[in-house]
């Protein structure tokens, strides 16, 4: 019987992650990425390059079921989450505050002509 040998990806390039949406699921996912980044760095990998995109602003109903506070109502969700993680973890996540499109078939991020990058 032949034995299967699993090979790890030993690429020295950063893994790129795009999180589209900072609602309930997106905010939970974003909150876990620093732990994954630290684990990768601890094993000698450069870590993650994360882009967070959401054009929505925080409303009162978001404060009930998502990780936002009443004092943040009216701010962009992506700005709040990225700034929070960058300050706490000492990361350099990139945020994208406009609505965008992601072509999953091609794996290409297409911000469109209205969008612009904002770095914290």
PDB file of N, CA and C in Angstrom:
ATOM      1  N   UNK A   1       0.845  -1.177   0.000  1.00  0.00           N
ATOM      2  CA  UNK A   1       0.000   0.000   0.000  1.00  0.00           C
ATOM      3  C   UNK A   1       0.893   1.244   0.000  1.00  0.00           C
ATOM      4  N   UNK A   2       0.652   2.169  -0.904  1.00  0.00           N
ATOM      5  CA  UNK A   2       1.457   3.376  -1.015  1.00  0.00           C
ATOM      6  C   UNK A   2       1.101   4.365   0.088  1.00  0.00           C
ATOM      7  N   UNK A   3       2.153   5.000   0.618  1.00  0.00           N
ATOM      8  CA  UNK A   3       1.949   5.986   1.663  1.00  0.00           C
ATOM      9  C   UNK A   3       1.849   7.369   1.047  1.00  0.00           C
ATOM     10  N   UNK A   4       0.910   8.178   1.522  1.00  0.00           N
ATOM     11  CA  UNK A   4       0.752   9.540   1.034  1.00  0.00           C
ATOM     12  C   UNK A   4       1.535  10.475   1.941  1.00  0.00           C
ATOM     13  N   UNK A   5       2.355  11.312   1.319  1.00  0.00           N
ATOM     14  CA  UNK A   5       3.126  12.284   2.077  1.00  0.00           C
ATOM     15  C   UNK A   5       2.544  13.665   1.808  1.00  0.00           C
ATOM     16  N   UNK A   6       2.159  14.336   2.884  1.00  0.00           N
ATOM     17  CA  UNK A   6       1.608  15.690   2.758  1.00  0.00           C
ATOM     18  C   UNK A   6       2.751  16.685   2.823  1.00  0.00           C
ATOM     19  N   UNK A   7       2.762  17.620   1.878  1.00  0.00           N
ATOM     20  CA  UNK A   7       3.790  18.647   1.850  1.00  0.00           C
ATOM     21  C   UNK A   7       3.177  19.985   2.244  1.00  0.00           C
ATOM     22  N   UNK A   8       3.881  20.692   3.114  1.00  0.00           N
ATOM     23  CA  UNK A   8       3.426  22.013   3.530  1.00  0.00           C
ATOM     24  C   UNK A   8       3.881  23.053   2.521  1.00  0.00           C
ATOM     25  N   UNK A   9       3.120  24.103   2.406  1.00  0.00           N
ATOM     26  CA  UNK A   9       3.501  25.212   1.542  1.00  0.00           C
ATOM     27  C   UNK A   9       4.539  26.054   2.280  1.00  0.00           C
ATOM     28  N   UNK A  10       5.772  26.002   1.826  1.00  0.00           N
ATOM     29  CA  UNK A  10       6.844  26.748   2.475  1.00  0.00           C
ATOM     30  C   UNK A  10       7.144  28.055   1.749  1.00  0.00           C
ATOM     31  N   UNK A  11       6.155  28.639   1.122  1.00  0.00           N
ATOM     32  CA  UNK A  11       6.315  29.898   0.406  1.00  0.00           C
ATOM     33  C   UNK A  11       6.715  30.989   1.391  1.00  0.00           C
ATOM     34  N   UNK A  12       7.590  31.867   0.970  1.00  0.00           N
ATOM     35  CA  UNK A  12       8.027  32.972   1.828  1.00  0.00           C
ATOM     36  C   UNK A  12       7.193  34.226   1.586  1.00  0.00           C
ATOM     37  N   UNK A  13       6.205  34.156   0.725  1.00  0.00           N
ATOM     38  CA  UNK A  13       5.340  35.311   0.468  1.00  0.00           C
ATOM     39  C   UNK A  13       4.221  35.363   1.504  1.00  0.00           C
ATOM     40  N   UNK A  14       3.751  36.567   1.785  1.00  0.00           N
ATOM     41  CA  UNK A  14       2.639  36.724   2.719  1.00  0.00           C
ATOM     42  C   UNK A  14       1.371  36.181   2.074  1.00  0.00           C
ATOM     43  N   UNK A  15       0.534  35.558   2.878  1.00  0.00           N
ATOM     44  CA  UNK A  15      -0.770  35.133   2.387  1.00  0.00           C
ATOM     45  C   UNK A  15      -1.664  36.366   2.347  1.00  0.00           C
ATOM     46  N   UNK A  16      -2.388  36.546   1.236  1.00  0.00           N
ATOM     47  CA  UNK A  16      -3.283  37.689   1.094  1.00  0.00           C
ATOM     48  C   UNK A  16      -4.713  37.264   1.392  1.00  0.00           C
ATOM     49  N   UNK A  17      -5.381  38.046   2.239  1.00  0.00           N
ATOM     50  CA  UNK A  17      -6.761  37.773   2.640  1.00  0.00           C
ATOM     51  C   UNK A  17      -7.580  39.037   2.406  1.00  0.00           C
ATOM     52  N   UNK A  18      -8.706  38.904   1.719  1.00  0.00           N
ATOM     53  CA  UNK A  18      -9.635  40.020   1.545  1.00  0.00           C
ATOM     54  C   UNK A  18     -10.924  39.680   2.270  1.00  0.00           C
ATOM     55  N   UNK A  19     -11.291  40.496   3.232  1.00  0.00           N
ATOM     56  CA  UNK A  19     -12.543  40.319   3.968  1.00  0.00           C
ATOM     57  C   UNK A  19     -13.519  41.363   3.441  1.00  0.00           C
ATOM     58  N   UNK A  20     -14.568  40.896   2.779  1.00  0.00           N
ATOM     59  CA  UNK A  20     -15.552  41.787   2.187  1.00  0.00           C
ATOM     60  C   UNK A  20     -16.778  41.802   3.088  1.00  0.00           C
ATOM     61  N   UNK A  21     -16.982  42.902   3.784  1.00  0.00           N
ATOM     62  CA  UNK A  21     -18.115  43.046   4.693  1.00  0.00           C
ATOM     63  C   UNK A  21     -17.681  42.947   6.143  1.00  0.00           C
ATOM     64  N   UNK A  22     -18.125  43.891   6.951  1.00  0.00           N
ATOM     65  CA  UNK A  22     -17.768  43.939   8.370  1.00  0.00           C
ATOM     66  C   UNK A  22     -18.997  43.804   9.251  1.00  0.00           C
ATOM     67  N   UNK A  23     -19.962  43.024   8.795  1.00  0.00           N
ATOM     68  CA  UNK A  23     -21.160  42.777   9.592  1.00  0.00           C
ATOM     69  C   UNK A  23     -20.898  41.695  10.624  1.00  0.00           C
ATOM     70  N   UNK A  24     -21.892  40.875  10.896  1.00  0.00           N
ATOM     71  CA  UNK A  24     -21.754  39.833  11.911  1.00  0.00           C
ATOM     72  C   UNK A  24     -20.670  38.822  11.583  1.00  0.00           C
ATOM     73  N   UNK A  25     -20.700  38.255  10.391  1.00  0.00           N
ATOM     74  CA  UNK A  25     -19.723  37.236  10.002  1.00  0.00           C
ATOM     75  C   UNK A  25     -18.360  37.853   9.741  1.00  0.00           C
ATOM     76  N   UNK A  26     -18.317  38.944   8.984  1.00  0.00           N
ATOM     77  CA  UNK A  26     -17.040  39.582   8.660  1.00  0.00           C
ATOM     78  C   UNK A  26     -16.298  40.065   9.888  1.00  0.00           C
ATOM     79  N   UNK A  27     -17.004  40.671  10.825  1.00  0.00           N
ATOM     80  CA  UNK A  27     -16.346  41.173  12.039  1.00  0.00           C
ATOM     81  C   UNK A  27     -15.815  40.030  12.901  1.00  0.00           C
ATOM     82  N   UNK A  28     -16.534  38.908  12.933  1.00  0.00           N
ATOM     83  CA  UNK A  28     -16.048  37.750  13.684  1.00  0.00           C
ATOM     84  C   UNK A  28     -14.796  37.174  13.025  1.00  0.00           C
ATOM     85  N   UNK A  29     -14.795  37.111  11.707  1.00  0.00           N
ATOM     86  CA  UNK A  29     -13.637  36.609  10.982  1.00  0.00           C
ATOM     87  C   UNK A  29     -12.427  37.516  11.179  1.00  0.00           C
ATOM     88  N   UNK A  30     -12.634  38.822  11.066  1.00  0.00           N
ATOM     89  CA  UNK A  30     -11.546  39.785  11.223  1.00  0.00           C
ATOM     90  C   UNK A  30     -10.926  39.686  12.606  1.00  0.00           C
ATOM     91  N   UNK A  31     -11.759  39.466  13.610  1.00  0.00           N
ATOM     92  CA  UNK A  31     -11.259  39.361  14.979  1.00  0.00           C
ATOM     93  C   UNK A  31     -10.341  38.171  15.206  1.00  0.00           C
ATOM     94  N   UNK A  32     -10.468  37.143  14.390  1.00  0.00           N
ATOM     95  CA  UNK A  32      -9.620  35.960  14.537  1.00  0.00           C
ATOM     96  C   UNK A  32      -8.348  35.993  13.717  1.00  0.00           C
ATOM     97  N   UNK A  33      -8.272  36.875  12.745  1.00  0.00           N
ATOM     98  CA  UNK A  33      -7.099  36.921  11.867  1.00  0.00           C
ATOM     99  C   UNK A  33      -5.786  37.261  12.576  1.00  0.00           C
ATOM    100  N   UNK A  34      -5.768  38.139  13.583  1.00  0.00           N
ATOM    101  CA  UNK A  34      -4.492  38.393  14.265  1.00  0.00           C
ATOM    102  C   UNK A  34      -3.896  37.141  14.916  1.00  0.00           C
ATOM    103  N   UNK A  35      -4.734  36.244  15.400  1.00  0.00           N
ATOM    104  CA  UNK A  35      -4.234  35.006  15.989  1.00  0.00           C
ATOM    105  C   UNK A  35      -3.569  34.132  14.927  1.00  0.00           C
ATOM    106  N   UNK A  36      -4.203  34.042  13.754  1.00  0.00           N
ATOM    107  CA  UNK A  36      -3.624  33.294  12.646  1.00  0.00           C
ATOM    108  C   UNK A  36      -2.317  33.930  12.197  1.00  0.00           C
ATOM    109  N   UNK A  37      -2.301  35.251  12.116  1.00  0.00           N
ATOM    110  CA  UNK A  37      -1.090  35.977  11.723  1.00  0.00           C
ATOM    111  C   UNK A  37       0.056  35.670  12.693  1.00  0.00           C
ATOM    112  N   UNK A  38      -0.220  35.730  13.989  1.00  0.00           N
ATOM    113  CA  UNK A  38       0.809  35.445  14.996  1.00  0.00           C
ATOM    114  C   UNK A  38       1.320  34.016  14.891  1.00  0.00           C
ATOM    115  N   UNK A  39       0.438  33.077  14.645  1.00  0.00           N
ATOM    116  CA  UNK A  39       0.854  31.682  14.514  1.00  0.00           C
ATOM    117  C   UNK A  39       1.778  31.502  13.312  1.00  0.00           C
ATOM    118  N   UNK A  40       1.453  32.158  12.204  1.00  0.00           N
ATOM    119  CA  UNK A  40       2.302  32.079  11.013  1.00  0.00           C
ATOM    120  C   UNK A  40       3.670  32.699  11.272  1.00  0.00           C
ATOM    121  N   UNK A  41       3.693  33.856  11.894  1.00  0.00           N
ATOM    122  CA  UNK A  41       4.955  34.538  12.184  1.00  0.00           C
ATOM    123  C   UNK A  41       5.809  33.700  13.143  1.00  0.00           C
ATOM    124  N   UNK A  42       5.180  33.061  14.126  1.00  0.00           N
ATOM    125  CA  UNK A  42       5.912  32.242  15.084  1.00  0.00           C
ATOM    126  C   UNK A  42       6.597  31.045  14.426  1.00  0.00           C
ATOM    127  N   UNK A  43       6.072  30.603  13.288  1.00  0.00           N
ATOM    128  CA  UNK A  43       6.679  29.473  12.580  1.00  0.00           C
ATOM    129  C   UNK A  43       7.643  29.929  11.491  1.00  0.00           C
ATOM    130  N   UNK A  44       7.950  31.233  11.455  1.00  0.00           N
ATOM    131  CA  UNK A  44       8.913  31.737  10.499  1.00  0.00           C
ATOM    132  C   UNK A  44       8.335  32.247   9.194  1.00  0.00           C
ATOM    133  N   UNK A  45       7.029  32.272   9.075  1.00  0.00           N
ATOM    134  CA  UNK A  45       6.366  32.763   7.865  1.00  0.00           C
ATOM    135  C   UNK A  45       6.146  34.267   8.001  1.00  0.00           C
ATOM    136  N   UNK A  46       6.150  35.025   6.897  1.00  0.00           N
ATOM    137  CA  UNK A  46       5.911  36.470   6.990  1.00  0.00           C
ATOM    138  C   UNK A  46       4.525  36.853   7.517  1.00  0.00           C
ATOM    139  N   UNK A  47       3.547  35.967   7.443  1.00  0.00           N
ATOM    140  CA  UNK A  47       2.224  36.259   7.993  1.00  0.00           C
ATOM    141  C   UNK A  47       1.188  36.590   6.939  1.00  0.00           C
ATOM    142  N   UNK A  48       0.204  37.407   7.339  1.00  0.00           N
ATOM    143  CA  UNK A  48      -0.929  37.738   6.483  1.00  0.00           C
ATOM    144  C   UNK A  48      -0.874  39.181   6.010  1.00  0.00           C
ATOM    145  N   UNK A  49      -1.373  39.404   4.821  1.00  0.00           N
ATOM    146  CA  UNK A  49      -1.643  40.749   4.316  1.00  0.00           C
ATOM    147  C   UNK A  49      -3.158  40.811   4.176  1.00  0.00           C
ATOM    148  N   UNK A  50      -3.804  41.662   4.960  1.00  0.00           N
ATOM    149  CA  UNK A  50      -5.267  41.675   5.037  1.00  0.00           C
ATOM    150  C   UNK A  50      -5.809  42.981   4.478  1.00  0.00           C
ATOM    151  N   UNK A  51      -6.827  42.871   3.629  1.00  0.00           N
ATOM    152  CA  UNK A  51      -7.584  44.017   3.138  1.00  0.00           C
ATOM    153  C   UNK A  51      -9.012  43.840   3.630  1.00  0.00           C
ATOM    154  N   UNK A  52      -9.538  44.858   4.278  1.00  0.00           N
ATOM    155  CA  UNK A  52     -10.900  44.832   4.811  1.00  0.00           C
ATOM    156  C   UNK A  52     -11.732  45.843   4.023  1.00  0.00           C
ATOM    157  N   UNK A  53     -12.872  45.405   3.494  1.00  0.00           N
ATOM    158  CA  UNK A  53     -13.703  46.278   2.668  1.00  0.00           C
ATOM    159  C   UNK A  53     -15.147  46.287   3.156  1.00  0.00           C
ATOM    160  N   UNK A  54     -15.668  47.479   3.350  1.00  0.00           N
ATOM    161  CA  UNK A  54     -17.085  47.642   3.670  1.00  0.00           C
ATOM    162  C   UNK A  54     -17.442  49.112   3.525  1.00  0.00           C
ATOM    163  N   UNK A  55     -18.501  49.405   2.827  1.00  0.00           N
ATOM    164  CA  UNK A  55     -18.944  50.778   2.628  1.00  0.00           C
ATOM    165  C   UNK A  55     -20.058  51.194   3.560  1.00  0.00           C
ATOM    166  N   UNK A  56     -20.449  50.309   4.475  1.00  0.00           N
ATOM    167  CA  UNK A  56     -21.561  50.615   5.374  1.00  0.00           C
ATOM    168  C   UNK A  56     -21.077  51.339   6.625  1.00  0.00           C
ATOM    169  N   UNK A  57     -21.995  52.142   7.165  1.00  0.00           N
ATOM    170  CA  UNK A  57     -21.720  52.832   8.421  1.00  0.00           C
ATOM    171  C   UNK A  57     -22.454  52.128   9.553  1.00  0.00           C
ATOM    172  N   UNK A  58     -21.978  52.310  10.750  1.00  0.00           N
ATOM    173  CA  UNK A  58     -22.563  51.687  11.935  1.00  0.00           C
ATOM    174  C   UNK A  58     -23.880  52.373  12.277  1.00  0.00           C
ATOM    175  N   UNK A  59     -24.907  51.561  12.517  1.00  0.00           N
ATOM    176  CA  UNK A  59     -26.210  52.089  12.935  1.00  0.00           C
ATOM    177  C   UNK A  59     -26.523  51.551  14.329  1.00  0.00           C
ATOM    178  N   UNK A  60     -27.598  52.047  14.914  1.00  0.00           N
ATOM    179  CA  UNK A  60     -27.980  51.624  16.264  1.00  0.00           C
ATOM    180  C   UNK A  60     -28.285  50.136  16.330  1.00  0.00           C
ATOM    181  N   UNK A  61     -28.875  49.595  15.270  1.00  0.00           N
ATOM    182  CA  UNK A  61     -29.193  48.160  15.284  1.00  0.00           C
ATOM    183  C   UNK A  61     -27.939  47.299  15.216  1.00  0.00           C
ATOM    184  N   UNK A  62     -26.854  47.801  14.643  1.00  0.00           N
ATOM    185  CA  UNK A  62     -25.600  47.049  14.601  1.00  0.00           C
ATOM    186  C   UNK A  62     -25.010  46.866  15.988  1.00  0.00           C
ATOM    187  N   UNK A  63     -25.237  47.822  16.871  1.00  0.00           N
ATOM    188  CA  UNK A  63     -24.650  47.771  18.214  1.00  0.00           C
ATOM    189  C   UNK A  63     -25.225  46.638  19.058  1.00  0.00           C
ATOM    190  N   UNK A  64     -26.356  46.097  18.661  1.00  0.00           N
ATOM    191  CA  UNK A  64     -26.990  45.019  19.419  1.00  0.00           C
ATOM    192  C   UNK A  64     -26.339  43.671  19.119  1.00  0.00           C
ATOM    193  N   UNK A  65     -26.043  43.398  17.849  1.00  0.00           N
ATOM    194  CA  UNK A  65     -25.591  42.061  17.463  1.00  0.00           C
ATOM    195  C   UNK A  65     -24.201  42.012  16.835  1.00  0.00           C
ATOM    196  N   UNK A  66     -23.524  43.143  16.736  1.00  0.00           N
ATOM    197  CA  UNK A  66     -22.191  43.201  16.155  1.00  0.00           C
ATOM    198  C   UNK A  66     -21.261  43.932  17.124  1.00  0.00           C
ATOM    199  N   UNK A  67     -19.946  43.791  16.968  1.00  0.00           N
ATOM    200  CA  UNK A  67     -19.016  44.346  17.965  1.00  0.00           C
ATOM    201  C   UNK A  67     -18.769  45.855  17.828  1.00  0.00           C
ATOM    202  N   UNK A  68     -19.859  46.628  17.888  1.00  0.00           N
ATOM    203  CA  UNK A  68     -19.745  48.081  17.790  1.00  0.00           C
ATOM    204  C   UNK A  68     -20.444  48.710  18.989  1.00  0.00           C
ATOM    205  N   UNK A  69     -20.062  49.950  19.296  1.00  0.00           N
ATOM    206  CA  UNK A  69     -20.611  50.655  20.443  1.00  0.00           C
ATOM    207  C   UNK A  69     -21.427  51.859  19.981  1.00  0.00           C
ATOM    208  N   UNK A  70     -22.300  52.346  20.852  1.00  0.00           N
ATOM    209  CA  UNK A  70     -23.147  53.487  20.510  1.00  0.00           C
ATOM    210  C   UNK A  70     -22.329  54.716  20.144  1.00  0.00           C
ATOM    211  N   UNK A  71     -21.167  54.886  20.745  1.00  0.00           N
ATOM    212  CA  UNK A  71     -20.319  56.042  20.443  1.00  0.00           C
ATOM    213  C   UNK A  71     -19.738  55.980  19.028  1.00  0.00           C
ATOM    214  N   UNK A  72     -19.832  54.826  18.366  1.00  0.00           N
ATOM    215  CA  UNK A  72     -19.296  54.653  17.016  1.00  0.00           C
ATOM    216  C   UNK A  72     -20.358  54.769  15.916  1.00  0.00           C
ATOM    217  N   UNK A  73     -21.602  55.035  16.298  1.00  0.00           N
ATOM    218  CA  UNK A  73     -22.677  55.164  15.303  1.00  0.00           C
ATOM    219  C   UNK A  73     -22.328  56.282  14.325  1.00  0.00           C
ATOM    220  N   UNK A  74     -22.466  55.970  13.035  1.00  0.00           N
ATOM    221  CA  UNK A  74     -22.160  56.934  11.985  1.00  0.00           C
ATOM    222  C   UNK A  74     -20.773  56.773  11.384  1.00  0.00           C
ATOM    223  N   UNK A  75     -19.896  56.013  12.047  1.00  0.00           N
ATOM    224  CA  UNK A  75     -18.556  55.756  11.509  1.00  0.00           C
ATOM    225  C   UNK A  75     -18.598  54.553  10.573  1.00  0.00           C
ATOM    226  N   UNK A  76     -17.627  54.455   9.687  1.00  0.00           N
ATOM    227  CA  UNK A  76     -17.545  53.296   8.803  1.00  0.00           C
ATOM    228  C   UNK A  76     -17.142  52.062   9.604  1.00  0.00           C
ATOM    229  N   UNK A  77     -17.828  50.942   9.351  1.00  0.00           N
ATOM    230  CA  UNK A  77     -17.520  49.686  10.048  1.00  0.00           C
ATOM    231  C   UNK A  77     -16.070  49.273   9.822  1.00  0.00           C
ATOM    232  N   UNK A  78     -15.625  49.355   8.567  1.00  0.00           N
ATOM    233  CA  UNK A  78     -14.264  48.926   8.256  1.00  0.00           C
ATOM    234  C   UNK A  78     -13.235  49.785   8.981  1.00  0.00           C
ATOM    235  N   UNK A  79     -13.462  51.074   9.069  1.00  0.00           N
ATOM    236  CA  UNK A  79     -12.521  51.961   9.750  1.00  0.00           C
ATOM    237  C   UNK A  79     -12.408  51.612  11.228  1.00  0.00           C
ATOM    238  N   UNK A  80     -13.541  51.389  11.871  1.00  0.00           N
ATOM    239  CA  UNK A  80     -13.552  51.078  13.297  1.00  0.00           C
ATOM    240  C   UNK A  80     -12.817  49.770  13.575  1.00  0.00           C
ATOM    241  N   UNK A  81     -13.144  48.718  12.824  1.00  0.00           N
ATOM    242  CA  UNK A  81     -12.522  47.423  13.077  1.00  0.00           C
ATOM    243  C   UNK A  81     -11.035  47.422  12.772  1.00  0.00           C
ATOM    244  N   UNK A  82     -10.638  48.001  11.642  1.00  0.00           N
ATOM    245  CA  UNK A  82      -9.223  48.014  11.275  1.00  0.00           C
ATOM    246  C   UNK A  82      -8.413  48.837  12.267  1.00  0.00           C
ATOM    247  N   UNK A  83      -8.910  50.007  12.639  1.00  0.00           N
ATOM    248  CA  UNK A  83      -8.180  50.819  13.619  1.00  0.00           C
ATOM    249  C   UNK A  83      -8.071  50.112  14.964  1.00  0.00           C
ATOM    250  N   UNK A  84      -9.136  49.452  15.375  1.00  0.00           N
ATOM    251  CA  UNK A  84      -9.136  48.727  16.647  1.00  0.00           C
ATOM    252  C   UNK A  84      -8.063  47.626  16.649  1.00  0.00           C
ATOM    253  N   UNK A  85      -8.024  46.840  15.575  1.00  0.00           N
ATOM    254  CA  UNK A  85      -7.055  45.746  15.501  1.00  0.00           C
ATOM    255  C   UNK A  85      -5.630  46.251  15.324  1.00  0.00           C
ATOM    256  N   UNK A  86      -5.450  47.269  14.496  1.00  0.00           N
ATOM    257  CA  UNK A  86      -4.106  47.808  14.291  1.00  0.00           C
ATOM    258  C   UNK A  86      -3.527  48.377  15.586  1.00  0.00           C
ATOM    259  N   UNK A  87      -4.349  49.085  16.342  1.00  0.00           N
ATOM    260  CA  UNK A  87      -3.865  49.662  17.597  1.00  0.00           C
ATOM    261  C   UNK A  87      -3.578  48.593  18.644  1.00  0.00           C
ATOM    262  N   UNK A  88      -4.473  47.636  18.785  1.00  0.00           N
ATOM    263  CA  UNK A  88      -4.320  46.619  19.831  1.00  0.00           C
ATOM    264  C   UNK A  88      -3.188  45.642  19.523  1.00  0.00           C
ATOM    265  N   UNK A  89      -3.131  45.157  18.287  1.00  0.00           N
ATOM    266  CA  UNK A  89      -2.174  44.117  17.912  1.00  0.00           C
ATOM    267  C   UNK A  89      -0.894  44.662  17.296  1.00  0.00           C
ATOM    268  N   UNK A  90      -0.851  45.939  16.975  1.00  0.00           N
ATOM    269  CA  UNK A  90       0.328  46.500  16.322  1.00  0.00           C
ATOM    270  C   UNK A  90       0.462  46.029  14.880  1.00  0.00           C
ATOM    271  N   UNK A  91      -0.669  45.866  14.206  1.00  0.00           N
ATOM    272  CA  UNK A  91      -0.680  45.372  12.828  1.00  0.00           C
ATOM    273  C   UNK A  91      -0.758  46.527  11.844  1.00  0.00           C
ATOM    274  N   UNK A  92      -0.720  46.174  10.566  1.00  0.00           N
ATOM    275  CA  UNK A  92      -0.856  47.181   9.509  1.00  0.00           C
ATOM    276  C   UNK A  92      -1.903  46.701   8.503  1.00  0.00           C
ATOM    277  N   UNK A  93      -3.104  46.439   8.980  1.00  0.00           N
ATOM    278  CA  UNK A  93      -4.187  46.036   8.086  1.00  0.00           C
ATOM    279  C   UNK A  93      -4.579  47.228   7.216  1.00  0.00           C
ATOM    280  N   UNK A  94      -5.046  46.939   6.020  1.00  0.00           N
ATOM    281  CA  UNK A  94      -5.492  47.977   5.096  1.00  0.00           C
ATOM    282  C   UNK A  94      -7.006  47.962   5.028  1.00  0.00           C
ATOM    283  N   UNK A  95      -7.602  49.133   4.956  1.00  0.00           N
ATOM    284  CA  UNK A  95      -9.058  49.166   4.850  1.00  0.00           C
ATOM    285  C   UNK A  95      -9.491  49.819   3.555  1.00  0.00           C
ATOM    286  N   UNK A  96     -10.713  49.520   3.201  1.00  0.00           N
ATOM    287  CA  UNK A  96     -11.304  49.956   1.951  1.00  0.00           C
ATOM    288  C   UNK A  96     -12.724  50.372   2.286  1.00  0.00           C
ATOM    289  N   UNK A  97     -13.042  51.673   2.217  1.00  0.00           N
ATOM    290  CA  UNK A  97     -14.321  52.145   2.742  1.00  0.00           C
ATOM    291  C   UNK A  97     -15.438  52.251   1.728  1.00  0.00           C
ATOM    292  N   UNK A  98     -15.227  51.951   0.506  1.00  0.00           N
ATOM    293  CA  UNK A  98     -16.281  52.086  -0.488  1.00  0.00           C
ATOM    294  C   UNK A  98     -16.830  50.716  -0.853  1.00  0.00           C
ATOM    295  N   UNK A  99     -17.997  50.718  -1.447  1.00  0.00           N
ATOM    296  CA  UNK A  99     -18.564  49.470  -1.937  1.00  0.00           C
ATOM    297  C   UNK A  99     -17.678  48.960  -3.066  1.00  0.00           C
ATOM    298  N   UNK A 100     -17.547  47.649  -3.147  1.00  0.00           N
ATOM    299  CA  UNK A 100     -16.638  47.087  -4.145  1.00  0.00           C
ATOM    300  C   UNK A 100     -17.195  45.767  -4.653  1.00  0.00           C
ATOM    301  N   UNK A 101     -16.517  45.228  -5.608  1.00  0.00           N
ATOM    302  CA  UNK A 101     -16.902  43.940  -6.184  1.00  0.00           C
ATOM    303  C   UNK A 101     -15.716  42.993  -6.101  1.00  0.00           C
ATOM    304  N   UNK A 102     -15.991  41.734  -5.888  1.00  0.00           N
ATOM    305  CA  UNK A 102     -14.935  40.733  -5.861  1.00  0.00           C
ATOM    306  C   UNK A 102     -15.350  39.620  -6.793  1.00  0.00           C
ATOM    307  N   UNK A 103     -14.552  39.368  -7.805  1.00  0.00           N
ATOM    308  CA  UNK A 103     -14.838  38.328  -8.776  1.00  0.00           C
ATOM    309  C   UNK A 103     -14.239  37.025  -8.267  1.00  0.00           C
ATOM    310  N   UNK A 104     -15.055  36.181  -7.661  1.00  0.00           N
ATOM    311  CA  UNK A 104     -14.549  34.957  -7.053  1.00  0.00           C
ATOM    312  C   UNK A 104     -14.028  33.976  -8.085  1.00  0.00           C
ATOM    313  N   UNK A 105     -14.576  33.983  -9.293  1.00  0.00           N
ATOM    314  CA  UNK A 105     -14.102  33.075 -10.328  1.00  0.00           C
ATOM    315  C   UNK A 105     -12.681  33.377 -10.751  1.00  0.00           C
ATOM    316  N   UNK A 106     -12.359  34.645 -10.871  1.00  0.00           N
ATOM    317  CA  UNK A 106     -11.025  35.049 -11.304  1.00  0.00           C
ATOM    318  C   UNK A 106     -10.093  35.300 -10.130  1.00  0.00           C
ATOM    319  N   UNK A 107     -10.647  35.464  -8.926  1.00  0.00           N
ATOM    320  CA  UNK A 107      -9.822  35.763  -7.772  1.00  0.00           C
ATOM    321  C   UNK A 107      -9.235  37.163  -7.819  1.00  0.00           C
ATOM    322  N   UNK A 108      -9.903  38.069  -8.514  1.00  0.00           N
ATOM    323  CA  UNK A 108      -9.396  39.427  -8.660  1.00  0.00           C
ATOM    324  C   UNK A 108     -10.270  40.396  -7.876  1.00  0.00           C
ATOM    325  N   UNK A 109      -9.637  41.289  -7.167  1.00  0.00           N
ATOM    326  CA  UNK A 109     -10.325  42.314  -6.389  1.00  0.00           C
ATOM    327  C   UNK A 109     -10.509  43.532  -7.286  1.00  0.00           C
ATOM    328  N   UNK A 110     -11.741  43.962  -7.502  1.00  0.00           N
ATOM    329  CA  UNK A 110     -12.015  45.063  -8.409  1.00  0.00           C
ATOM    330  C   UNK A 110     -12.731  46.175  -7.663  1.00  0.00           C
ATOM    331  N   UNK A 111     -11.996  47.217  -7.249  1.00  0.00           N
ATOM    332  CA  UNK A 111     -12.632  48.260  -6.460  1.00  0.00           C
ATOM    333  C   UNK A 111     -13.539  49.184  -7.253  1.00  0.00           C
ATOM    334  N   UNK A 112     -13.414  49.248  -8.551  1.00  0.00           N
ATOM    335  CA  UNK A 112     -14.248  50.153  -9.338  1.00  0.00           C
ATOM    336  C   UNK A 112     -13.706  51.569  -9.323  1.00  0.00           C
ATOM    337  N   UNK A 113     -14.285  52.434 -10.128  1.00  0.00           N
ATOM    338  CA  UNK A 113     -13.757  53.782 -10.281  1.00  0.00           C
ATOM    339  C   UNK A 113     -14.062  54.711  -9.111  1.00  0.00           C
ATOM    340  N   UNK A 114     -15.070  54.403  -8.269  1.00  0.00           N
ATOM    341  CA  UNK A 114     -15.432  55.279  -7.148  1.00  0.00           C
ATOM    342  C   UNK A 114     -14.593  55.027  -5.925  1.00  0.00           C
ATOM    343  N   UNK A 115     -13.899  53.916  -5.878  1.00  0.00           N
ATOM    344  CA  UNK A 115     -13.240  53.494  -4.663  1.00  0.00           C
ATOM    345  C   UNK A 115     -11.836  54.080  -4.509  1.00  0.00           C
ATOM    346  N   UNK A 116     -11.379  54.122  -3.266  1.00  0.00           N
ATOM    347  CA  UNK A 116     -10.012  54.545  -3.001  1.00  0.00           C
ATOM    348  C   UNK A 116      -9.502  53.826  -1.759  1.00  0.00           C
ATOM    349  N   UNK A 117      -8.211  53.603  -1.725  1.00  0.00           N
ATOM    350  CA  UNK A 117      -7.614  52.954  -0.574  1.00  0.00           C
ATOM    351  C   UNK A 117      -7.355  53.982   0.520  1.00  0.00           C
ATOM    352  N   UNK A 118      -7.558  53.581   1.743  1.00  0.00           N
ATOM    353  CA  UNK A 118      -7.288  54.435   2.881  1.00  0.00           C
ATOM    354  C   UNK A 118      -6.444  53.614   3.835  1.00  0.00           C
ATOM    355  N   UNK A 119      -5.277  54.089   4.182  1.00  0.00           N
ATOM    356  CA  UNK A 119      -4.425  53.350   5.121  1.00  0.00           C
ATOM    357  C   UNK A 119      -4.430  54.049   6.462  1.00  0.00           C
ATOM    358  N   UNK A 120      -4.600  53.298   7.506  1.00  0.00           N
ATOM    359  CA  UNK A 120      -4.639  53.900   8.845  1.00  0.00           C
ATOM    360  C   UNK A 120      -3.264  54.392   9.285  1.00  0.00           C
TER     361      UNK A 120
END
